Amino acid sequence: MEKTSHVMLVGEGARQFAIAQQLETVETIAAHPHQSARGKRRLASPRDPAGNHDTIALLVLHANGDIAGGCSTSGLGKKLPGRVGDSPIIGGGLYVDNEVGAAGATGLGENIMRYCGSFMVVEYMRQGMSPEEACRETVRRITRGERSGTALNINFVALDKYGRYGAAGSGKEFPFSVTTQTSSRVIRATASEKRG
């Protein structure tokens, strides 16, 4: 985004751009599972988490009032080549608005990015909801939009300009960490919606 007007490059085009920018390239193992004998490997399922990993969203409030965020993922295991999850999608896996707050997501990326989930959380905070209320309402909104029986597997964490934080998810509970200058602890948010 600093070198072109584009927001995202993927696949071979991204690799060629990296080479042109003299960035180091490394061999990845992501393609190898798809090259198994006669394609016998099955795709990972949200109902069968074996081989799946989760996203890490980090939200930070600086002492000067600026908010920042980062999002990293191991990605869905055994995905189709070329699949792009929610982590790199602005408003999907992460959204930061320095006037309001920030939100990050983890879970099944397709269900998160279909609704611009993290953006939705921040917009609910803009309307006056607390971070926890905004996360809960986003889970409810996505639940209403998805077909019955769909495994949602979505979780959100949020932080506002006042240092308030909250989280909500579609499963039994969603653990998230909160660290301040004086403490660090893991909190378990209860489910907003159960389905699936």
C-alpha atoms as a PDB file:
ATOM      1  CA  MET A   1       0.000   0.000   0.000  1.00  0.00           C
ATOM      2  CA  GLU A   2       3.026   2.267   0.289  1.00  0.00           C
ATOM      3  CA  LYS A   3       4.434   1.421  -3.164  1.00  0.00           C
ATOM      4  CA  THR A   4       1.241   1.213  -5.279  1.00  0.00           C
ATOM      5  CA  SER A   5      -2.328   2.464  -5.223  1.00  0.00           C
ATOM      6  CA  HIS A   6      -3.513  -1.138  -4.690  1.00  0.00           C
ATOM      7  CA  VAL A   7      -4.794  -2.402  -1.358  1.00  0.00           C
ATOM      8  CA  MET A   8      -4.073  -6.124  -1.818  1.00  0.00           C
ATOM      9  CA  LEU A   9      -2.069  -8.456  -4.029  1.00  0.00           C
ATOM     10  CA  VAL A  10      -2.337 -12.261  -3.819  1.00  0.00           C
ATOM     11  CA  GLY A  11      -0.899 -15.321  -5.506  1.00  0.00           C
ATOM     12  CA  GLU A  12       1.748 -15.175  -8.198  1.00  0.00           C
ATOM     13  CA  GLY A  13       1.245 -11.436  -8.717  1.00  0.00           C
ATOM     14  CA  ALA A  14       2.074 -10.795  -5.072  1.00  0.00           C
ATOM     15  CA  ARG A  15       5.172 -12.980  -5.352  1.00  0.00           C
ATOM     16  CA  GLN A  16       6.396 -11.153  -8.451  1.00  0.00           C
ATOM     17  CA  PHE A  17       5.802  -7.785  -6.769  1.00  0.00           C
ATOM     18  CA  ALA A  18       7.794  -8.926  -3.725  1.00  0.00           C
ATOM     19  CA  ILE A  19      10.674 -10.005  -5.944  1.00  0.00           C
ATOM     20  CA  ALA A  20      10.593  -6.669  -7.816  1.00  0.00           C
ATOM     21  CA  GLN A  21      10.784  -4.892  -4.433  1.00  0.00           C
ATOM     22  CA  GLN A  22      13.807  -7.044  -3.546  1.00  0.00           C
ATOM     23  CA  LEU A  23      12.022  -8.677  -0.628  1.00  0.00           C
ATOM     24  CA  GLU A  24      13.192 -12.050   0.560  1.00  0.00           C
ATOM     25  CA  THR A  25      11.102 -14.938  -0.723  1.00  0.00           C
ATOM     26  CA  VAL A  26      10.746 -18.239   1.103  1.00  0.00           C
ATOM     27  CA  GLU A  27       9.293 -21.592   0.156  1.00  0.00           C
ATOM     28  CA  THR A  28       5.972 -22.118   1.921  1.00  0.00           C
ATOM     29  CA  ILE A  29       4.301 -25.359   2.816  1.00  0.00           C
ATOM     30  CA  ALA A  30       0.795 -24.042   2.141  1.00  0.00           C
ATOM     31  CA  ALA A  31       0.635 -25.531  -1.352  1.00  0.00           C
ATOM     32  CA  HIS A  32       1.950 -28.964  -0.411  1.00  0.00           C
ATOM     33  CA  PRO A  33      -1.220 -30.386   1.234  1.00  0.00           C
ATOM     34  CA  HIS A  34      -3.066 -29.846  -2.039  1.00  0.00           C
ATOM     35  CA  GLN A  35      -0.540 -31.912  -3.948  1.00  0.00           C
ATOM     36  CA  SER A  36      -1.289 -35.148  -2.105  1.00  0.00           C
ATOM     37  CA  ALA A  37      -1.725 -38.397  -3.978  1.00  0.00           C
ATOM     38  CA  ARG A  38      -4.754 -38.140  -6.288  1.00  0.00           C
ATOM     39  CA  GLY A  39      -6.192 -35.253  -4.264  1.00  0.00           C
ATOM     40  CA  LYS A  40      -7.364 -37.495  -1.436  1.00  0.00           C
ATOM     41  CA  ARG A  41      -6.934 -34.825   1.201  1.00  0.00           C
ATOM     42  CA  ARG A  42     -10.206 -33.337   2.285  1.00  0.00           C
ATOM     43  CA  LEU A  43     -10.823 -29.673   2.950  1.00  0.00           C
ATOM     44  CA  ALA A  44     -10.924 -28.577   6.571  1.00  0.00           C
ATOM     45  CA  SER A  45     -14.358 -27.960   8.005  1.00  0.00           C
ATOM     46  CA  PRO A  46     -15.375 -25.490  10.712  1.00  0.00           C
ATOM     47  CA  ARG A  47     -17.106 -28.436  12.413  1.00  0.00           C
ATOM     48  CA  ASP A  48     -13.853 -30.434  12.349  1.00  0.00           C
ATOM     49  CA  PRO A  49     -11.100 -28.127  13.624  1.00  0.00           C
ATOM     50  CA  ALA A  50      -8.248 -30.610  13.043  1.00  0.00           C
ATOM     51  CA  GLY A  51      -5.652 -28.821  10.968  1.00  0.00           C
ATOM     52  CA  ASN A  52      -7.205 -25.412  11.578  1.00  0.00           C
ATOM     53  CA  HIS A  53      -5.564 -22.586  13.488  1.00  0.00           C
ATOM     54  CA  ASP A  54      -6.802 -19.288  14.763  1.00  0.00           C
ATOM     55  CA  THR A  55      -6.283 -15.621  14.171  1.00  0.00           C
ATOM     56  CA  ILE A  56      -4.574 -13.295  16.610  1.00  0.00           C
ATOM     57  CA  ALA A  57      -5.895  -9.726  16.796  1.00  0.00           C
ATOM     58  CA  LEU A  58      -3.954  -7.196  18.854  1.00  0.00           C
ATOM     59  CA  LEU A  59      -5.560  -3.876  19.799  1.00  0.00           C
ATOM     60  CA  VAL A  60      -3.533  -1.170  21.539  1.00  0.00           C
ATOM     61  CA  LEU A  61      -4.398   2.176  23.093  1.00  0.00           C
ATOM     62  CA  HIS A  62      -1.361   4.451  23.444  1.00  0.00           C
ATOM     63  CA  ALA A  63      -1.037   6.873  26.351  1.00  0.00           C
ATOM     64  CA  ASN A  64      -1.475   9.735  23.850  1.00  0.00           C
ATOM     65  CA  GLY A  65      -4.911   8.378  22.832  1.00  0.00           C
ATOM     66  CA  ASP A  66      -3.939   6.811  19.505  1.00  0.00           C
ATOM     67  CA  ILE A  67      -5.307   3.358  18.748  1.00  0.00           C
ATOM     68  CA  ALA A  68      -3.495   0.750  16.682  1.00  0.00           C
ATOM     69  CA  GLY A  69      -4.219  -2.823  15.706  1.00  0.00           C
ATOM     70  CA  GLY A  70      -2.629  -5.827  14.085  1.00  0.00           C
ATOM     71  CA  CYS A  71      -3.974  -9.110  12.806  1.00  0.00           C
ATOM     72  CA  SER A  72      -2.148 -12.348  12.046  1.00  0.00           C
ATOM     73  CA  THR A  73      -3.434 -15.794  11.165  1.00  0.00           C
ATOM     74  CA  SER A  74      -2.231 -19.325  10.653  1.00  0.00           C
ATOM     75  CA  GLY A  75      -5.179 -19.711   8.329  1.00  0.00           C
ATOM     76  CA  LEU A  76      -7.727 -22.375   7.619  1.00  0.00           C
ATOM     77  CA  GLY A  77      -6.063 -25.760   7.181  1.00  0.00           C
ATOM     78  CA  LYS A  78      -6.380 -27.631   3.877  1.00  0.00           C
ATOM     79  CA  LYS A  79      -7.984 -24.647   2.152  1.00  0.00           C
ATOM     80  CA  LEU A  80      -8.311 -24.303  -1.612  1.00  0.00           C
ATOM     81  CA  PRO A  81      -5.314 -22.670  -3.288  1.00  0.00           C
ATOM     82  CA  GLY A  82      -5.909 -18.943  -3.629  1.00  0.00           C
ATOM     83  CA  ARG A  83      -8.323 -18.681  -0.698  1.00  0.00           C
ATOM     84  CA  VAL A  84      -8.028 -15.331   1.078  1.00  0.00           C
ATOM     85  CA  GLY A  85      -9.365 -15.210   4.622  1.00  0.00           C
ATOM     86  CA  ASP A  86     -10.629 -12.292   6.667  1.00  0.00           C
ATOM     87  CA  SER A  87      -7.309 -11.270   8.245  1.00  0.00           C
ATOM     88  CA  PRO A  88      -6.016  -9.175   5.318  1.00  0.00           C
ATOM     89  CA  ILE A  89      -9.446  -7.747   4.474  1.00  0.00           C
ATOM     90  CA  ILE A  90      -9.830  -4.241   5.894  1.00  0.00           C
ATOM     91  CA  GLY A  91     -12.997  -4.318   8.006  1.00  0.00           C
ATOM     92  CA  GLY A  92     -13.016  -8.112   8.062  1.00  0.00           C
ATOM     93  CA  GLY A  93     -10.405  -9.438  10.465  1.00  0.00           C
ATOM     94  CA  LEU A  94      -9.385  -6.009  11.745  1.00  0.00           C
ATOM     95  CA  TYR A  95     -10.620  -2.437  11.684  1.00  0.00           C
ATOM     96  CA  VAL A  96      -9.175   0.630  13.413  1.00  0.00           C
ATOM     97  CA  ASP A  97     -10.735   4.095  13.522  1.00  0.00           C
ATOM     98  CA  ASN A  98      -8.642   6.437  15.642  1.00  0.00           C
ATOM     99  CA  GLU A  99     -11.705   8.560  16.461  1.00  0.00           C
ATOM    100  CA  VAL A 100     -13.722   5.633  17.846  1.00  0.00           C
ATOM    101  CA  GLY A 101     -11.817   2.435  18.557  1.00  0.00           C
ATOM    102  CA  ALA A 102     -10.703  -0.849  17.078  1.00  0.00           C
ATOM    103  CA  ALA A 103     -11.997  -4.384  16.641  1.00  0.00           C
ATOM    104  CA  GLY A 104     -10.509  -7.704  15.622  1.00  0.00           C
ATOM    105  CA  ALA A 105     -12.017 -11.048  14.740  1.00  0.00           C
ATOM    106  CA  THR A 106     -11.159 -14.727  14.875  1.00  0.00           C
ATOM    107  CA  GLY A 107     -12.993 -17.801  13.683  1.00  0.00           C
ATOM    108  CA  LEU A 108     -14.343 -18.792  10.284  1.00  0.00           C
ATOM    109  CA  GLY A 109     -13.126 -15.963   8.061  1.00  0.00           C
ATOM    110  CA  GLU A 110     -15.826 -16.365   5.435  1.00  0.00           C
ATOM    111  CA  ASN A 111     -18.541 -15.634   8.004  1.00  0.00           C
ATOM    112  CA  ILE A 112     -16.609 -12.634   9.292  1.00  0.00           C
ATOM    113  CA  MET A 113     -15.722 -10.960   5.997  1.00  0.00           C
ATOM    114  CA  ARG A 114     -19.129 -11.568   4.443  1.00  0.00           C
ATOM    115  CA  TYR A 115     -20.417  -8.924   6.884  1.00  0.00           C
ATOM    116  CA  CYS A 116     -17.296  -6.731   7.355  1.00  0.00           C
ATOM    117  CA  GLY A 117     -17.547  -7.875  10.966  1.00  0.00           C
ATOM    118  CA  SER A 118     -14.793  -5.816  12.580  1.00  0.00           C
ATOM    119  CA  PHE A 119     -15.957  -2.690  10.775  1.00  0.00           C
ATOM    120  CA  MET A 120     -19.479  -3.376  12.043  1.00  0.00           C
ATOM    121  CA  VAL A 121     -18.239  -3.596  15.642  1.00  0.00           C
ATOM    122  CA  VAL A 122     -16.496  -0.213  15.355  1.00  0.00           C
ATOM    123  CA  GLU A 123     -19.577   1.354  13.765  1.00  0.00           C
ATOM    124  CA  TYR A 124     -21.744   0.118  16.647  1.00  0.00           C
ATOM    125  CA  MET A 125     -19.268   1.745  19.056  1.00  0.00           C
ATOM    126  CA  ARG A 126     -19.531   4.953  17.012  1.00  0.00           C
ATOM    127  CA  GLN A 127     -23.297   4.826  17.677  1.00  0.00           C
ATOM    128  CA  GLY A 128     -22.631   4.742  21.435  1.00  0.00           C
ATOM    129  CA  MET A 129     -22.442   1.047  22.292  1.00  0.00           C
ATOM    130  CA  SER A 130     -19.766  -0.192  24.666  1.00  0.00           C
ATOM    131  CA  PRO A 131     -17.150  -2.523  23.124  1.00  0.00           C
ATOM    132  CA  GLU A 132     -18.846  -5.602  24.597  1.00  0.00           C
ATOM    133  CA  GLU A 133     -22.317  -4.500  23.441  1.00  0.00           C
ATOM    134  CA  ALA A 134     -20.921  -3.797  19.957  1.00  0.00           C
ATOM    135  CA  CYS A 135     -19.320  -7.252  19.756  1.00  0.00           C
ATOM    136  CA  ARG A 136     -22.521  -8.942  20.952  1.00  0.00           C
ATOM    137  CA  GLU A 137     -24.701  -7.034  18.492  1.00  0.00           C
ATOM    138  CA  THR A 138     -22.359  -7.906  15.622  1.00  0.00           C
ATOM    139  CA  VAL A 139     -22.562 -11.610  16.501  1.00  0.00           C
ATOM    140  CA  ARG A 140     -26.377 -11.332  16.646  1.00  0.00           C
ATOM    141  CA  ARG A 141     -26.493  -9.501  13.302  1.00  0.00           C
ATOM    142  CA  ILE A 142     -24.343 -12.109  11.572  1.00  0.00           C
ATOM    143  CA  THR A 143     -26.367 -14.919  13.173  1.00  0.00           C
ATOM    144  CA  ARG A 144     -29.580 -13.451  11.735  1.00  0.00           C
ATOM    145  CA  GLY A 145     -28.003 -13.257   8.278  1.00  0.00           C
ATOM    146  CA  GLU A 146     -26.699 -16.810   8.092  1.00  0.00           C
ATOM    147  CA  ARG A 147     -28.732 -19.891   7.216  1.00  0.00           C
ATOM    148  CA  SER A 148     -29.947 -22.052  10.065  1.00  0.00           C
ATOM    149  CA  GLY A 149     -27.545 -24.893  10.750  1.00  0.00           C
ATOM    150  CA  THR A 150     -24.496 -22.979   9.501  1.00  0.00           C
ATOM    151  CA  ALA A 151     -21.552 -23.308  11.873  1.00  0.00           C
ATOM    152  CA  LEU A 152     -20.797 -19.664  12.604  1.00  0.00           C
ATOM    153  CA  ASN A 153     -17.540 -19.906  14.587  1.00  0.00           C
ATOM    154  CA  ILE A 154     -17.085 -16.125  14.955  1.00  0.00           C
ATOM    155  CA  ASN A 155     -15.544 -14.098  17.769  1.00  0.00           C
ATOM    156  CA  PHE A 156     -14.820 -10.403  18.167  1.00  0.00           C
ATOM    157  CA  VAL A 157     -12.717  -8.334  20.541  1.00  0.00           C
ATOM    158  CA  ALA A 158     -12.939  -4.531  20.734  1.00  0.00           C
ATOM    159  CA  LEU A 159     -11.294  -1.538  22.384  1.00  0.00           C
ATOM    160  CA  ASP A 160     -12.589   2.029  22.411  1.00  0.00           C
ATOM    161  CA  LYS A 161     -10.911   5.429  22.799  1.00  0.00           C
ATOM    162  CA  TYR A 162     -11.673   5.441  26.530  1.00  0.00           C
ATOM    163  CA  GLY A 163      -9.811   2.198  27.171  1.00  0.00           C
ATOM    164  CA  ARG A 164     -12.971   0.142  27.586  1.00  0.00           C
ATOM    165  CA  TYR A 165     -12.770  -3.336  26.078  1.00  0.00           C
ATOM    166  CA  GLY A 166     -15.079  -6.235  25.406  1.00  0.00           C
ATOM    167  CA  ALA A 167     -15.565  -9.412  23.450  1.00  0.00           C
ATOM    168  CA  ALA A 168     -18.270 -11.795  22.295  1.00  0.00           C
ATOM    169  CA  GLY A 169     -18.526 -14.926  20.234  1.00  0.00           C
ATOM    170  CA  SER A 170     -20.815 -17.566  18.843  1.00  0.00           C
ATOM    171  CA  GLY A 171     -19.380 -20.518  20.787  1.00  0.00           C
ATOM    172  CA  LYS A 172     -19.422 -21.596  24.422  1.00  0.00           C
ATOM    173  CA  GLU A 173     -16.973 -18.909  25.511  1.00  0.00           C
ATOM    174  CA  PHE A 174     -14.272 -16.796  23.953  1.00  0.00           C
ATOM    175  CA  PRO A 175     -11.012 -16.275  25.888  1.00  0.00           C
ATOM    176  CA  PHE A 176      -9.161 -13.008  25.296  1.00  0.00           C
ATOM    177  CA  SER A 177      -6.288 -11.274  27.079  1.00  0.00           C
ATOM    178  CA  VAL A 178      -6.169  -7.785  28.531  1.00  0.00           C
ATOM    179  CA  THR A 179      -2.868  -6.205  29.511  1.00  0.00           C
ATOM    180  CA  THR A 180      -2.379  -2.834  31.206  1.00  0.00           C
ATOM    181  CA  GLN A 181       0.648  -1.183  32.775  1.00  0.00           C
ATOM    182  CA  THR A 182      -0.132  -2.948  36.047  1.00  0.00           C
ATOM    183  CA  SER A 183      -1.705  -6.295  35.120  1.00  0.00           C
ATOM    184  CA  SER A 184      -2.307  -8.978  32.547  1.00  0.00           C
ATOM    185  CA  ARG A 185      -5.174 -11.449  32.608  1.00  0.00           C
ATOM    186  CA  VAL A 186      -7.282 -13.780  30.494  1.00  0.00           C
ATOM    187  CA  ILE A 187     -11.010 -13.116  30.426  1.00  0.00           C
ATOM    188  CA  ARG A 188     -13.627 -15.531  29.113  1.00  0.00           C
ATOM    189  CA  ALA A 189     -16.476 -13.834  27.310  1.00  0.00           C
ATOM    190  CA  THR A 190     -19.727 -15.793  27.361  1.00  0.00           C
ATOM    191  CA  ALA A 191     -21.434 -16.673  24.107  1.00  0.00           C
ATOM    192  CA  SER A 192     -23.724 -14.148  22.470  1.00  0.00           C
ATOM    193  CA  GLU A 193     -25.420 -16.635  20.195  1.00  0.00           C
ATOM    194  CA  LYS A 194     -25.189 -20.415  20.142  1.00  0.00           C
ATOM    195  CA  ARG A 195     -25.862 -22.250  16.938  1.00  0.00           C
ATOM    196  CA  GLY A 196     -24.425 -24.815  14.820  1.00  0.00           C
END
